[in-house]
Every structure is written in C-alpha cells, then in structure tokens.
Amino acid sequence: MNSWIICPKPNPNAQLRLFCFHHAGGGTFSFRNWAQELSPIVEVYLIQLPGRERRLREPAFTRIEPLIEELKPAIIPHLNQPFAFFGYSMGSLIAFELTRRLRRDYQLYPQHLFVSAYRAPQLPKTKPPIYDLPDAEFVEELRNLNGTPEEILVNDEIMKLLISTLRGDFAVIETYNYYDEPPLNCPITAFGGLEDTKANREDLAAWSSQTNNHFNLHMLPGNHFFINSARSQLLQLLYSECSQIITQ
C-alpha cells in the first residue's frame, strides 16, 4: 500500500488528476469531500505526510529535501495521466519543489500548479523561526497563528502526540532555502485570503516570476484559513480552471 497517496473516490473516467498538499499541522481532512465537489472531470488524490492521521506513528520530516526525495517515487506511478498540483500554505512549497524536481529528473510537468496562502518562495523571510522554541513559547506562537484549535492547544495529551509533528512542519518551512532555477513552463494560479497577514496580495503576485506561462491570482474572503471560510468560491474557481485545462 502507498502510504503517501490517498484517492478517496476513484474516478477512472476523469480527465485530470489533482494532487492536494496540506498545510503545516494539517492533513488530508483539509480536502474532505473535494472529490465529490470536483467530480466528474477531476480525480482527487491526497498527499499524506508522516506524523499525522494514518501515519501518526511515523516521524515527521524536518527538512524539505528528504521529504521530496521520498515523496517522488511514491507519486511517480500516479503521474501516468494528465495531472495538476494544489498546495495549501506549506503544501504550496512542497508542490512547487516537487514540480521543480520532476522537471530536473524526468522533464515532467503538471498541467497546472495551484498555490495558495503562501508567499512566493523567492521572497526573503520576514519572521524569526519558531520551530525550535521551548514548548510553552512554541504553543503560544501556534495560538497566535490561529491555525490550531484552542481545545487541542490546551490538551496536554494531544499536544504530546502532535508537538513533534508541528515542530517538524514548521522546520520544513523555516529552514527552506530558495535557490534560483529557470521559471516553470506550466501555468500557475495563486489563491489568497483578503485578510491573510501571512501571505498578502503582493506576496502571492510574486509567484508570477516562477512561470513562463500564464499566471492568475484570485483573492477570496477570509484570513489564512480561507480554505474553510471561502470553500465554495475556491472550489468553484478550481473547477472552472480544471475545466479549462482539459479543454485546451
């Protein structure tokens, strides 16, 4: 069994496979029911990183290079049909670096790269890292980010299970070093939340320099987690863009 890839609703007649990469501290639950919403033209595949859900007992990655190195052979067998990548927050960085790796190793591209809630990777870091803070300070930073429910942050047993994974995810982001490569040949579409202070319109517009192809930007109502608050608008836009991909 491939522990990296979940296909919640196989759709063999679909004309496009959409691989979804979740945010830091998140999991495949972020994309629950997407397969139904994007049917019948899209077959949805969910990327499940170690350290959560079915892979809770596996240690989370702390650096992006080994993560991509292990993910690549797991996903390659599923790239035998037209495919696209959708990344949310940390997932955008993983999808981007995986795309560059597939280009280097196989001259293989997704039909489209969708990124969301994440600053363009070439932009300099603006905040100090939090992944190596003492537990109490780290939890307080998580609280300030508004991405982890308070009932989890105050539950010592749950946090004991999750804190190493949360630290690992933030380490993947905060130790990332961008290096120049030529722009991608696939189109890029970026999505952002109008009230997101972590990735504003300018931060997202800067993704345009990562492609030689078409670039589009959609700003939706909500903060960093507009994936929940603007779910219907996001999925409508995704469905529309995927429809265009398969008719090209």
C-alpha atoms as a PDB file:
ATOM      1  CA  MET A   1       0.000   0.000   0.000  1.00  0.00           C
ATOM      2  CA  ASN A   2       1.230   3.520  -0.798  1.00  0.00           C
ATOM      3  CA  SER A   3       1.049   5.400   2.489  1.00  0.00           C
ATOM      4  CA  TRP A   4       1.715   8.739   0.787  1.00  0.00           C
ATOM      5  CA  ILE A   5      -1.259   8.767  -1.585  1.00  0.00           C
ATOM      6  CA  ILE A   6      -4.987   8.546  -0.855  1.00  0.00           C
ATOM      7  CA  CYS A   7      -7.636   8.512  -3.576  1.00  0.00           C
ATOM      8  CA  PRO A   8     -10.882   8.925  -1.599  1.00  0.00           C
ATOM      9  CA  LYS A   9     -13.168   8.494  -4.612  1.00  0.00           C
ATOM     10  CA  PRO A  10     -11.595   6.716  -7.598  1.00  0.00           C
ATOM     11  CA  ASN A  11     -12.832   8.268 -10.815  1.00  0.00           C
ATOM     12  CA  PRO A  12     -11.213   6.393 -13.724  1.00  0.00           C
ATOM     13  CA  ASN A  13     -13.142   8.379 -16.322  1.00  0.00           C
ATOM     14  CA  ALA A  14     -11.791  11.700 -15.081  1.00  0.00           C
ATOM     15  CA  GLN A  15      -9.596  13.620 -17.490  1.00  0.00           C
ATOM     16  CA  LEU A  16      -7.345  15.199 -14.856  1.00  0.00           C
ATOM     17  CA  ARG A  17      -5.776  14.069 -11.584  1.00  0.00           C
ATOM     18  CA  LEU A  18      -5.485  16.747  -8.910  1.00  0.00           C
ATOM     19  CA  PHE A  19      -2.941  16.106  -6.147  1.00  0.00           C
ATOM     20  CA  CYS A  20      -3.594  18.100  -2.962  1.00  0.00           C
ATOM     21  CA  PHE A  21      -0.847  19.017  -0.468  1.00  0.00           C
ATOM     22  CA  HIS A  22      -1.927  20.148   3.015  1.00  0.00           C
ATOM     23  CA  HIS A  23      -0.776  22.950   5.318  1.00  0.00           C
ATOM     24  CA  ALA A  24       1.605  22.769   8.288  1.00  0.00           C
ATOM     25  CA  GLY A  25      -0.012  20.868  11.129  1.00  0.00           C
ATOM     26  CA  GLY A  26      -2.787  19.758   8.804  1.00  0.00           C
ATOM     27  CA  GLY A  27      -3.714  16.599   6.997  1.00  0.00           C
ATOM     28  CA  THR A  28      -5.903  15.169   4.302  1.00  0.00           C
ATOM     29  CA  PHE A  29      -9.030  16.261   6.206  1.00  0.00           C
ATOM     30  CA  SER A  30      -8.445  19.748   4.745  1.00  0.00           C
ATOM     31  CA  PHE A  31      -9.688  18.387   1.418  1.00  0.00           C
ATOM     32  CA  ARG A  32     -12.544  16.204   2.621  1.00  0.00           C
ATOM     33  CA  ASN A  33     -15.339  15.985   0.045  1.00  0.00           C
ATOM     34  CA  TRP A  34     -13.285  17.718  -2.645  1.00  0.00           C
ATOM     35  CA  ALA A  35     -13.502  14.563  -4.766  1.00  0.00           C
ATOM     36  CA  GLN A  36     -17.277  14.870  -4.803  1.00  0.00           C
ATOM     37  CA  GLU A  37     -17.243  18.610  -5.490  1.00  0.00           C
ATOM     38  CA  LEU A  38     -14.814  18.342  -8.425  1.00  0.00           C
ATOM     39  CA  SER A  39     -16.399  15.273  -9.999  1.00  0.00           C
ATOM     40  CA  PRO A  40     -16.751  14.147 -12.751  1.00  0.00           C
ATOM     41  CA  ILE A  41     -13.878  15.864 -14.566  1.00  0.00           C
ATOM     42  CA  VAL A  42     -11.267  15.572 -11.793  1.00  0.00           C
ATOM     43  CA  GLU A  43      -9.932  12.613  -9.826  1.00  0.00           C
ATOM     44  CA  VAL A  44      -8.634  13.884  -6.478  1.00  0.00           C
ATOM     45  CA  TYR A  45      -5.528  12.435  -4.820  1.00  0.00           C
ATOM     46  CA  LEU A  46      -4.495  13.496  -1.315  1.00  0.00           C
ATOM     47  CA  ILE A  47      -0.884  13.602  -0.163  1.00  0.00           C
ATOM     48  CA  GLN A  48      -0.497  12.361   3.400  1.00  0.00           C
ATOM     49  CA  LEU A  49       2.747  13.298   5.115  1.00  0.00           C
ATOM     50  CA  PRO A  50       4.182  11.261   8.003  1.00  0.00           C
ATOM     51  CA  GLY A  51       3.341  12.253  11.578  1.00  0.00           C
ATOM     52  CA  ARG A  52      -0.463  12.534  11.287  1.00  0.00           C
ATOM     53  CA  GLU A  53      -3.659  10.606  10.626  1.00  0.00           C
ATOM     54  CA  ARG A  54      -2.875   7.102   9.346  1.00  0.00           C
ATOM     55  CA  ARG A  55       0.851   7.884   9.612  1.00  0.00           C
ATOM     56  CA  LEU A  56       0.778   9.257  13.151  1.00  0.00           C
ATOM     57  CA  ARG A  57       3.458   6.886  14.424  1.00  0.00           C
ATOM     58  CA  GLU A  58       5.936   7.868  11.718  1.00  0.00           C
ATOM     59  CA  PRO A  59       8.294  10.773  12.447  1.00  0.00           C
ATOM     60  CA  ALA A  60       7.515  13.971  10.580  1.00  0.00           C
ATOM     61  CA  PHE A  61      10.063  15.400   8.197  1.00  0.00           C
ATOM     62  CA  THR A  62      12.020  18.453   9.338  1.00  0.00           C
ATOM     63  CA  ARG A  63      13.639  19.382   6.008  1.00  0.00           C
ATOM     64  CA  ILE A  64      12.129  19.680   2.553  1.00  0.00           C
ATOM     65  CA  GLU A  65      14.885  17.907   0.587  1.00  0.00           C
ATOM     66  CA  PRO A  66      14.450  14.429   2.131  1.00  0.00           C
ATOM     67  CA  LEU A  67      10.671  14.897   2.067  1.00  0.00           C
ATOM     68  CA  ILE A  68      10.738  15.461  -1.704  1.00  0.00           C
ATOM     69  CA  GLU A  69      13.219  12.612  -2.132  1.00  0.00           C
ATOM     70  CA  GLU A  70      10.833  10.112  -0.512  1.00  0.00           C
ATOM     71  CA  LEU A  71       7.644  11.548  -1.974  1.00  0.00           C
ATOM     72  CA  LYS A  72       8.902  11.476  -5.566  1.00  0.00           C
ATOM     73  CA  PRO A  73       8.985   7.670  -6.085  1.00  0.00           C
ATOM     74  CA  ALA A  74       5.622   7.336  -4.303  1.00  0.00           C
ATOM     75  CA  ILE A  75       3.868   9.753  -6.629  1.00  0.00           C
ATOM     76  CA  ILE A  76       5.562   8.897  -9.937  1.00  0.00           C
ATOM     77  CA  PRO A  77       3.369   5.810 -10.675  1.00  0.00           C
ATOM     78  CA  HIS A  78       0.278   8.048 -10.439  1.00  0.00           C
ATOM     79  CA  LEU A  79       1.539  10.614 -12.948  1.00  0.00           C
ATOM     80  CA  ASN A  80       0.694   8.498 -15.986  1.00  0.00           C
ATOM     81  CA  GLN A  81      -2.379  10.657 -16.692  1.00  0.00           C
ATOM     82  CA  PRO A  82      -2.679  14.460 -17.072  1.00  0.00           C
ATOM     83  CA  PHE A  83      -2.256  15.908 -13.583  1.00  0.00           C
ATOM     84  CA  ALA A  84      -2.178  19.145 -11.602  1.00  0.00           C
ATOM     85  CA  PHE A  85      -0.916  20.078  -8.138  1.00  0.00           C
ATOM     86  CA  PHE A  86      -2.773  22.100  -5.493  1.00  0.00           C
ATOM     87  CA  GLY A  87      -0.822  23.235  -2.445  1.00  0.00           C
ATOM     88  CA  TYR A  88      -2.204  24.948   0.618  1.00  0.00           C
ATOM     89  CA  SER A  89       0.240  27.038   2.689  1.00  0.00           C
ATOM     90  CA  MET A  90       3.191  24.673   3.410  1.00  0.00           C
ATOM     91  CA  GLY A  91       1.709  22.396   0.763  1.00  0.00           C
ATOM     92  CA  SER A  92       2.364  25.119  -1.835  1.00  0.00           C
ATOM     93  CA  LEU A  93       6.077  24.988  -1.096  1.00  0.00           C
ATOM     94  CA  ILE A  94       6.123  21.181  -1.290  1.00  0.00           C
ATOM     95  CA  ALA A  95       4.145  21.161  -4.560  1.00  0.00           C
ATOM     96  CA  PHE A  96       6.470  23.796  -6.035  1.00  0.00           C
ATOM     97  CA  GLU A  97       9.687  21.999  -5.111  1.00  0.00           C
ATOM     98  CA  LEU A  98       8.263  18.655  -6.239  1.00  0.00           C
ATOM     99  CA  THR A  99       7.413  20.244  -9.597  1.00  0.00           C
ATOM    100  CA  ARG A 100      10.968  21.522  -9.966  1.00  0.00           C
ATOM    101  CA  ARG A 101      12.330  18.105  -9.021  1.00  0.00           C
ATOM    102  CA  LEU A 102      10.115  16.335 -11.575  1.00  0.00           C
ATOM    103  CA  ARG A 103      11.367  18.752 -14.223  1.00  0.00           C
ATOM    104  CA  ARG A 104      15.016  18.121 -13.354  1.00  0.00           C
ATOM    105  CA  ASP A 105      14.723  14.345 -13.153  1.00  0.00           C
ATOM    106  CA  TYR A 106      12.081  13.494 -15.762  1.00  0.00           C
ATOM    107  CA  GLN A 107      11.284  16.642 -17.802  1.00  0.00           C
ATOM    108  CA  LEU A 108       7.774  16.071 -16.431  1.00  0.00           C
ATOM    109  CA  TYR A 109       5.350  18.892 -15.636  1.00  0.00           C
ATOM    110  CA  PRO A 110       1.903  19.175 -14.112  1.00  0.00           C
ATOM    111  CA  GLN A 111      -0.695  20.691 -16.407  1.00  0.00           C
ATOM    112  CA  HIS A 112      -1.119  23.427 -13.794  1.00  0.00           C
ATOM    113  CA  LEU A 113       0.345  24.405 -10.429  1.00  0.00           C
ATOM    114  CA  PHE A 114      -2.146  25.853  -7.948  1.00  0.00           C
ATOM    115  CA  VAL A 115      -0.642  27.547  -4.883  1.00  0.00           C
ATOM    116  CA  SER A 116      -2.452  29.190  -2.002  1.00  0.00           C
ATOM    117  CA  ALA A 117      -1.886  31.003   1.301  1.00  0.00           C
ATOM    118  CA  TYR A 118       1.888  31.003   0.831  1.00  0.00           C
ATOM    119  CA  ARG A 119       4.324  33.753  -0.107  1.00  0.00           C
ATOM    120  CA  ALA A 120       6.310  33.286  -3.313  1.00  0.00           C
ATOM    121  CA  PRO A 121       9.345  31.152  -2.409  1.00  0.00           C
ATOM    122  CA  GLN A 122      11.962  33.628  -3.622  1.00  0.00           C
ATOM    123  CA  LEU A 123      10.835  36.327  -1.178  1.00  0.00           C
ATOM    124  CA  PRO A 124      13.105  36.831   1.841  1.00  0.00           C
ATOM    125  CA  LYS A 125      11.929  35.569   5.206  1.00  0.00           C
ATOM    126  CA  THR A 126      10.400  38.281   7.374  1.00  0.00           C
ATOM    127  CA  LYS A 127       9.861  36.488  10.698  1.00  0.00           C
ATOM    128  CA  PRO A 128      12.177  34.563  13.045  1.00  0.00           C
ATOM    129  CA  PRO A 129      11.735  30.778  13.204  1.00  0.00           C
ATOM    130  CA  ILE A 130       9.526  29.259  15.882  1.00  0.00           C
ATOM    131  CA  TYR A 131      10.137  25.525  15.368  1.00  0.00           C
ATOM    132  CA  ASP A 132      12.937  25.335  17.963  1.00  0.00           C
ATOM    133  CA  LEU A 133      11.318  27.440  20.698  1.00  0.00           C
ATOM    134  CA  PRO A 134      10.676  25.891  24.146  1.00  0.00           C
ATOM    135  CA  ASP A 135       7.328  24.107  24.324  1.00  0.00           C
ATOM    136  CA  ALA A 136       5.402  26.859  26.104  1.00  0.00           C
ATOM    137  CA  GLU A 137       6.605  29.570  23.712  1.00  0.00           C
ATOM    138  CA  PHE A 138       6.039  27.343  20.680  1.00  0.00           C
ATOM    139  CA  VAL A 139       2.448  26.634  21.745  1.00  0.00           C
ATOM    140  CA  GLU A 140       1.859  30.355  22.288  1.00  0.00           C
ATOM    141  CA  GLU A 141       3.106  31.081  18.761  1.00  0.00           C
ATOM    142  CA  LEU A 142       0.748  28.410  17.417  1.00  0.00           C
ATOM    143  CA  ARG A 143      -2.075  30.121  19.281  1.00  0.00           C
ATOM    144  CA  ASN A 144      -1.177  33.458  17.648  1.00  0.00           C
ATOM    145  CA  LEU A 145      -1.292  31.867  14.203  1.00  0.00           C
ATOM    146  CA  ASN A 146      -4.942  30.832  14.747  1.00  0.00           C
ATOM    147  CA  GLY A 147      -4.442  27.574  12.883  1.00  0.00           C
ATOM    148  CA  THR A 148      -4.696  25.100  15.761  1.00  0.00           C
ATOM    149  CA  PRO A 149      -7.977  24.837  17.717  1.00  0.00           C
ATOM    150  CA  GLU A 150      -7.702  26.026  21.307  1.00  0.00           C
ATOM    151  CA  GLU A 151      -9.127  22.740  22.600  1.00  0.00           C
ATOM    152  CA  ILE A 152      -6.095  20.982  21.116  1.00  0.00           C
ATOM    153  CA  LEU A 153      -3.554  23.528  22.404  1.00  0.00           C
ATOM    154  CA  VAL A 154      -4.788  23.136  25.988  1.00  0.00           C
ATOM    155  CA  ASN A 155      -4.990  19.338  25.862  1.00  0.00           C
ATOM    156  CA  ASP A 156      -1.643  18.097  27.168  1.00  0.00           C
ATOM    157  CA  GLU A 157      -2.153  14.528  25.947  1.00  0.00           C
ATOM    158  CA  ILE A 158      -2.994  15.534  22.390  1.00  0.00           C
ATOM    159  CA  MET A 159      -0.186  18.089  22.264  1.00  0.00           C
ATOM    160  CA  LYS A 160       2.274  15.466  23.471  1.00  0.00           C
ATOM    161  CA  LEU A 161       1.301  13.406  20.403  1.00  0.00           C
ATOM    162  CA  LEU A 162       1.307  16.293  17.937  1.00  0.00           C
ATOM    163  CA  ILE A 163       4.016  18.725  19.004  1.00  0.00           C
ATOM    164  CA  SER A 164       6.885  16.935  17.258  1.00  0.00           C
ATOM    165  CA  THR A 165       4.892  16.865  14.023  1.00  0.00           C
ATOM    166  CA  LEU A 166       4.002  20.540  14.350  1.00  0.00           C
ATOM    167  CA  ARG A 167       7.643  21.405  15.011  1.00  0.00           C
ATOM    168  CA  GLY A 168       8.690  19.285  12.037  1.00  0.00           C
ATOM    169  CA  ASP A 169       6.279  21.029   9.686  1.00  0.00           C
ATOM    170  CA  PHE A 170       7.449  24.469  10.757  1.00  0.00           C
ATOM    171  CA  ALA A 171      11.066  23.353  10.447  1.00  0.00           C
ATOM    172  CA  VAL A 172      10.386  22.295   6.835  1.00  0.00           C
ATOM    173  CA  ILE A 173       9.191  25.838   6.089  1.00  0.00           C
ATOM    174  CA  GLU A 174      11.600  27.828   8.230  1.00  0.00           C
ATOM    175  CA  THR A 175      14.806  26.040   7.187  1.00  0.00           C
ATOM    176  CA  TYR A 176      13.914  26.199   3.495  1.00  0.00           C
ATOM    177  CA  ASN A 177      16.450  27.985   1.337  1.00  0.00           C
ATOM    178  CA  TYR A 178      15.315  29.093  -2.094  1.00  0.00           C
ATOM    179  CA  TYR A 179      17.723  28.635  -4.993  1.00  0.00           C
ATOM    180  CA  ASP A 180      17.323  30.035  -8.479  1.00  0.00           C
ATOM    181  CA  GLU A 181      16.181  27.851 -11.343  1.00  0.00           C
ATOM    182  CA  PRO A 182      14.552  28.858 -14.630  1.00  0.00           C
ATOM    183  CA  PRO A 183      10.829  29.607 -14.391  1.00  0.00           C
ATOM    184  CA  LEU A 184       8.450  26.689 -14.853  1.00  0.00           C
ATOM    185  CA  ASN A 185       6.750  26.066 -18.177  1.00  0.00           C
ATOM    186  CA  CYS A 186       3.401  25.209 -16.581  1.00  0.00           C
ATOM    187  CA  PRO A 187       0.791  27.873 -15.686  1.00  0.00           C
ATOM    188  CA  ILE A 188       0.493  28.944 -12.043  1.00  0.00           C
ATOM    189  CA  THR A 189      -2.649  30.114 -10.278  1.00  0.00           C
ATOM    190  CA  ALA A 190      -2.384  31.601  -6.786  1.00  0.00           C
ATOM    191  CA  PHE A 191      -5.188  31.916  -4.248  1.00  0.00           C
ATOM    192  CA  GLY A 192      -5.139  34.127  -1.177  1.00  0.00           C
ATOM    193  CA  GLY A 193      -7.278  35.412   1.658  1.00  0.00           C
ATOM    194  CA  LEU A 194      -8.059  39.121   1.659  1.00  0.00           C
ATOM    195  CA  GLU A 195      -7.395  39.302   5.413  1.00  0.00           C
ATOM    196  CA  ASP A 196      -4.373  36.997   5.460  1.00  0.00           C
ATOM    197  CA  THR A 197      -1.431  38.800   7.088  1.00  0.00           C
ATOM    198  CA  LYS A 198       0.957  35.913   6.355  1.00  0.00           C
ATOM    199  CA  ALA A 199       0.543  35.988   2.564  1.00  0.00           C
ATOM    200  CA  ASN A 200      -0.902  39.210   1.157  1.00  0.00           C
ATOM    201  CA  ARG A 201      -1.717  40.098  -2.428  1.00  0.00           C
ATOM    202  CA  GLU A 202       1.821  41.283  -3.216  1.00  0.00           C
ATOM    203  CA  ASP A 203       3.365  38.159  -1.683  1.00  0.00           C
ATOM    204  CA  LEU A 204       1.137  35.981  -3.857  1.00  0.00           C
ATOM    205  CA  ALA A 205       1.529  38.086  -7.006  1.00  0.00           C
ATOM    206  CA  ALA A 206       5.279  37.441  -6.787  1.00  0.00           C
ATOM    207  CA  TRP A 207       4.601  33.815  -7.787  1.00  0.00           C
ATOM    208  CA  SER A 208       4.219  35.188 -11.335  1.00  0.00           C
ATOM    209  CA  SER A 209       8.012  35.213 -11.741  1.00  0.00           C
ATOM    210  CA  GLN A 210       8.078  31.412 -11.257  1.00  0.00           C
ATOM    211  CA  THR A 211       6.387  30.675 -14.585  1.00  0.00           C
ATOM    212  CA  ASN A 212       6.995  31.388 -18.254  1.00  0.00           C
ATOM    213  CA  ASN A 213       3.352  30.563 -18.845  1.00  0.00           C
ATOM    214  CA  HIS A 214       0.050  32.077 -17.762  1.00  0.00           C
ATOM    215  CA  PHE A 215      -0.318  33.389 -14.190  1.00  0.00           C
ATOM    216  CA  ASN A 216      -3.559  34.160 -12.398  1.00  0.00           C
ATOM    217  CA  LEU A 217      -4.341  35.421  -8.907  1.00  0.00           C
ATOM    218  CA  HIS A 218      -7.623  35.103  -7.001  1.00  0.00           C
ATOM    219  CA  MET A 219      -8.175  36.858  -3.655  1.00  0.00           C
ATOM    220  CA  LEU A 220     -11.017  35.393  -1.602  1.00  0.00           C
ATOM    221  CA  PRO A 221     -12.821  36.453   1.589  1.00  0.00           C
ATOM    222  CA  GLY A 222     -11.159  35.325   4.799  1.00  0.00           C
ATOM    223  CA  ASN A 223      -7.816  35.040   6.576  1.00  0.00           C
ATOM    224  CA  HIS A 224      -5.053  32.428   6.254  1.00  0.00           C
ATOM    225  CA  PHE A 225      -7.654  29.682   6.501  1.00  0.00           C
ATOM    226  CA  PHE A 226      -9.945  30.875   3.722  1.00  0.00           C
ATOM    227  CA  ILE A 227      -9.873  27.243   2.576  1.00  0.00           C
ATOM    228  CA  ASN A 228     -12.657  26.846   5.149  1.00  0.00           C
ATOM    229  CA  SER A 229     -14.427  30.212   5.103  1.00  0.00           C
ATOM    230  CA  ALA A 230     -14.429  30.606   1.294  1.00  0.00           C
ATOM    231  CA  ARG A 231     -14.595  26.915   0.482  1.00  0.00           C
ATOM    232  CA  SER A 232     -17.398  27.149  -2.092  1.00  0.00           C
ATOM    233  CA  GLN A 233     -15.784  30.035  -4.004  1.00  0.00           C
ATOM    234  CA  LEU A 234     -12.410  28.272  -4.002  1.00  0.00           C
ATOM    235  CA  LEU A 235     -13.851  25.036  -5.340  1.00  0.00           C
ATOM    236  CA  GLN A 236     -15.874  26.861  -7.996  1.00  0.00           C
ATOM    237  CA  LEU A 237     -12.709  28.577  -9.226  1.00  0.00           C
ATOM    238  CA  LEU A 238     -10.769  25.308  -9.142  1.00  0.00           C
ATOM    239  CA  TYR A 239     -13.489  23.517 -11.081  1.00  0.00           C
ATOM    240  CA  SER A 240     -13.508  26.288 -13.680  1.00  0.00           C
ATOM    241  CA  GLU A 241      -9.719  26.258 -14.071  1.00  0.00           C
ATOM    242  CA  CYS A 242      -9.596  22.452 -14.264  1.00  0.00           C
ATOM    243  CA  SER A 243     -12.323  22.532 -16.918  1.00  0.00           C
ATOM    244  CA  GLN A 244     -10.182  24.899 -18.973  1.00  0.00           C
ATOM    245  CA  ILE A 245      -7.149  22.625 -18.592  1.00  0.00           C
ATOM    246  CA  ILE A 246      -8.921  19.610 -20.053  1.00  0.00           C
ATOM    247  CA  THR A 247     -10.374  21.546 -22.989  1.00  0.00           C
ATOM    248  CA  GLN A 248      -7.046  23.036 -24.083  1.00  0.00           C
END
